Amino acid sequence: MKKYHCCATCIYFVAERKDGKMSYYCKRLGYETKTHYQFNCWIPKENVRKLMKKDGGKDV
């Protein structure tokens, strides 16, 4: 799980282009974030869950 746990892999992560620049935020918390940040509210996206399971991790 540690290998996958970051904002970019969370269901709440949103990436938008604003004025030619990328903007990243958490729609759950309402905070601006970075792709590599980690928060305890992390819920992995479905494709990440499949990768984690394939790597031998338990189902999340």
N, C-alpha and C. Protein backbone atom coordinates (compact mmCIF):
# COMPACT_ATOMS: atom_id res chain seq x y z
N MET A 1 0.83 -1.19 0.00
CA MET A 1 0.00 0.00 0.00
C MET A 1 0.87 1.25 0.00
N LYS A 2 1.98 1.23 0.71
CA LYS A 2 2.84 2.40 0.80
C LYS A 2 3.28 2.87 -0.58
N LYS A 3 3.52 1.94 -1.47
CA LYS A 3 3.96 2.24 -2.83
C LYS A 3 2.91 3.04 -3.60
N TYR A 4 1.65 2.87 -3.28
CA TYR A 4 0.55 3.50 -4.01
C TYR A 4 -0.08 4.70 -3.30
N HIS A 5 0.15 4.84 -2.01
CA HIS A 5 -0.54 5.86 -1.21
C HIS A 5 -0.03 7.26 -1.50
N CYS A 6 -0.77 8.00 -2.31
CA CYS A 6 -0.50 9.41 -2.58
C CYS A 6 -1.76 10.03 -3.14
N CYS A 7 -1.85 11.33 -3.09
CA CYS A 7 -3.07 12.02 -3.54
C CYS A 7 -3.46 11.68 -4.97
N ALA A 8 -2.49 11.56 -5.86
CA ALA A 8 -2.79 11.31 -7.27
C ALA A 8 -3.54 10.00 -7.50
N THR A 9 -3.48 9.07 -6.55
CA THR A 9 -4.15 7.77 -6.71
C THR A 9 -5.48 7.70 -5.95
N CYS A 10 -5.90 8.81 -5.36
CA CYS A 10 -7.11 8.84 -4.54
C CYS A 10 -8.34 9.23 -5.36
N ILE A 11 -9.49 8.72 -4.97
CA ILE A 11 -10.74 9.05 -5.67
C ILE A 11 -11.11 10.52 -5.53
N TYR A 12 -10.59 11.21 -4.53
CA TYR A 12 -10.92 12.61 -4.29
C TYR A 12 -10.00 13.58 -5.02
N PHE A 13 -8.96 13.09 -5.65
CA PHE A 13 -7.97 13.93 -6.31
C PHE A 13 -8.52 14.48 -7.63
N VAL A 14 -8.37 15.79 -7.82
CA VAL A 14 -8.85 16.45 -9.04
C VAL A 14 -7.69 17.26 -9.63
N ALA A 15 -7.47 17.09 -10.93
CA ALA A 15 -6.45 17.86 -11.64
C ALA A 15 -7.16 18.69 -12.70
N GLU A 16 -6.90 19.99 -12.69
CA GLU A 16 -7.53 20.90 -13.66
C GLU A 16 -6.48 21.84 -14.23
N ARG A 17 -6.67 22.21 -15.48
CA ARG A 17 -5.79 23.19 -16.09
C ARG A 17 -6.48 24.55 -15.98
N LYS A 18 -5.78 25.50 -15.34
CA LYS A 18 -6.31 26.86 -15.16
C LYS A 18 -5.28 27.85 -15.68
N ASP A 19 -5.67 28.67 -16.62
CA ASP A 19 -4.77 29.67 -17.19
C ASP A 19 -3.46 29.06 -17.67
N GLY A 20 -3.55 27.89 -18.27
CA GLY A 20 -2.37 27.22 -18.81
C GLY A 20 -1.52 26.48 -17.80
N LYS A 21 -1.90 26.48 -16.54
CA LYS A 21 -1.15 25.78 -15.49
C LYS A 21 -2.03 24.71 -14.86
N MET A 22 -1.39 23.62 -14.43
CA MET A 22 -2.13 22.56 -13.76
C MET A 22 -2.39 22.94 -12.31
N SER A 23 -3.60 22.64 -11.86
CA SER A 23 -4.00 22.88 -10.48
C SER A 23 -4.50 21.55 -9.92
N TYR A 24 -4.05 21.20 -8.73
CA TYR A 24 -4.42 19.94 -8.10
C TYR A 24 -5.09 20.22 -6.76
N TYR A 25 -6.22 19.56 -6.50
CA TYR A 25 -6.87 19.73 -5.21
C TYR A 25 -7.64 18.50 -4.81
N CYS A 26 -7.96 18.45 -3.52
CA CYS A 26 -8.75 17.36 -2.96
C CYS A 26 -10.19 17.84 -2.88
N LYS A 27 -11.09 17.20 -3.60
CA LYS A 27 -12.48 17.65 -3.57
C LYS A 27 -13.17 17.29 -2.26
N ARG A 28 -12.64 16.36 -1.49
CA ARG A 28 -13.21 16.03 -0.19
C ARG A 28 -12.83 17.08 0.85
N LEU A 29 -11.54 17.39 0.92
CA LEU A 29 -11.04 18.33 1.92
C LEU A 29 -11.13 19.78 1.47
N GLY A 30 -11.15 20.00 0.14
CA GLY A 30 -11.20 21.35 -0.39
C GLY A 30 -9.85 22.04 -0.39
N TYR A 31 -8.78 21.29 -0.21
CA TYR A 31 -7.43 21.84 -0.16
C TYR A 31 -6.72 21.71 -1.49
N GLU A 32 -5.86 22.67 -1.78
CA GLU A 32 -4.91 22.50 -2.87
C GLU A 32 -3.91 21.45 -2.40
N THR A 33 -3.47 20.60 -3.30
CA THR A 33 -2.56 19.52 -2.93
C THR A 33 -1.53 19.31 -4.02
N LYS A 34 -0.65 18.40 -3.82
CA LYS A 34 0.34 17.97 -4.80
C LYS A 34 0.12 16.49 -5.05
N THR A 35 0.57 16.02 -6.19
CA THR A 35 0.34 14.62 -6.55
C THR A 35 0.96 13.64 -5.56
N HIS A 36 2.08 14.01 -4.94
CA HIS A 36 2.80 13.09 -4.04
C HIS A 36 2.41 13.23 -2.57
N TYR A 37 1.57 14.18 -2.23
CA TYR A 37 1.15 14.35 -0.84
C TYR A 37 0.34 13.13 -0.39
N GLN A 38 0.26 12.96 0.94
CA GLN A 38 -0.51 11.86 1.53
C GLN A 38 -1.37 12.39 2.66
N PHE A 39 -2.62 11.93 2.70
CA PHE A 39 -3.53 12.25 3.79
C PHE A 39 -4.16 10.95 4.28
N ASN A 40 -4.64 10.93 5.51
CA ASN A 40 -5.22 9.72 6.09
C ASN A 40 -6.57 9.35 5.51
N CYS A 41 -7.20 10.27 4.78
CA CYS A 41 -8.52 9.98 4.21
C CYS A 41 -8.42 9.28 2.85
N TRP A 42 -7.24 8.85 2.47
CA TRP A 42 -6.97 8.25 1.16
C TRP A 42 -7.85 7.04 0.89
N ILE A 43 -8.53 7.09 -0.26
CA ILE A 43 -9.29 5.94 -0.76
C ILE A 43 -8.82 5.73 -2.20
N PRO A 44 -8.14 4.63 -2.48
CA PRO A 44 -7.56 4.44 -3.81
C PRO A 44 -8.62 4.29 -4.90
N LYS A 45 -8.25 4.77 -6.09
CA LYS A 45 -9.10 4.60 -7.27
C LYS A 45 -9.16 3.12 -7.61
N GLU A 46 -10.18 2.72 -8.36
CA GLU A 46 -10.40 1.31 -8.68
C GLU A 46 -9.20 0.68 -9.38
N ASN A 47 -8.59 1.38 -10.33
CA ASN A 47 -7.44 0.80 -11.04
C ASN A 47 -6.26 0.59 -10.09
N VAL A 48 -6.12 1.44 -9.09
CA VAL A 48 -5.04 1.30 -8.10
C VAL A 48 -5.33 0.12 -7.19
N ARG A 49 -6.60 -0.06 -6.83
CA ARG A 49 -6.98 -1.23 -6.02
C ARG A 49 -6.61 -2.53 -6.72
N LYS A 50 -6.87 -2.57 -8.03
CA LYS A 50 -6.54 -3.77 -8.80
C LYS A 50 -5.04 -4.01 -8.82
N LEU A 51 -4.25 -2.95 -8.99
CA LEU A 51 -2.79 -3.09 -8.96
C LEU A 51 -2.30 -3.57 -7.60
N MET A 52 -2.88 -3.03 -6.54
CA MET A 52 -2.49 -3.43 -5.19
C MET A 52 -2.80 -4.90 -4.96
N LYS A 53 -3.96 -5.32 -5.41
CA LYS A 53 -4.35 -6.72 -5.24
C LYS A 53 -3.43 -7.63 -6.06
N LYS A 54 -3.10 -7.19 -7.26
CA LYS A 54 -2.21 -7.96 -8.13
C LYS A 54 -0.82 -8.11 -7.51
N ASP A 55 -0.37 -7.08 -6.79
CA ASP A 55 0.92 -7.10 -6.13
C ASP A 55 0.91 -7.91 -4.84
N GLY A 56 -0.21 -8.53 -4.55
CA GLY A 56 -0.28 -9.40 -3.38
C GLY A 56 -0.84 -8.74 -2.14
N GLY A 57 -1.28 -7.51 -2.27
CA GLY A 57 -1.86 -6.81 -1.13
C GLY A 57 -3.28 -7.26 -0.89
N LYS A 58 -3.78 -6.97 0.28
CA LYS A 58 -5.17 -7.32 0.57
C LYS A 58 -6.09 -6.34 -0.14
N ASP A 59 -7.31 -6.73 -0.38
CA ASP A 59 -8.29 -5.88 -1.03
C ASP A 59 -8.59 -4.69 -0.14
N VAL A 60 -8.62 -3.51 -0.71
CA VAL A 60 -8.86 -2.29 0.05
C VAL A 60 -10.29 -1.85 -0.11
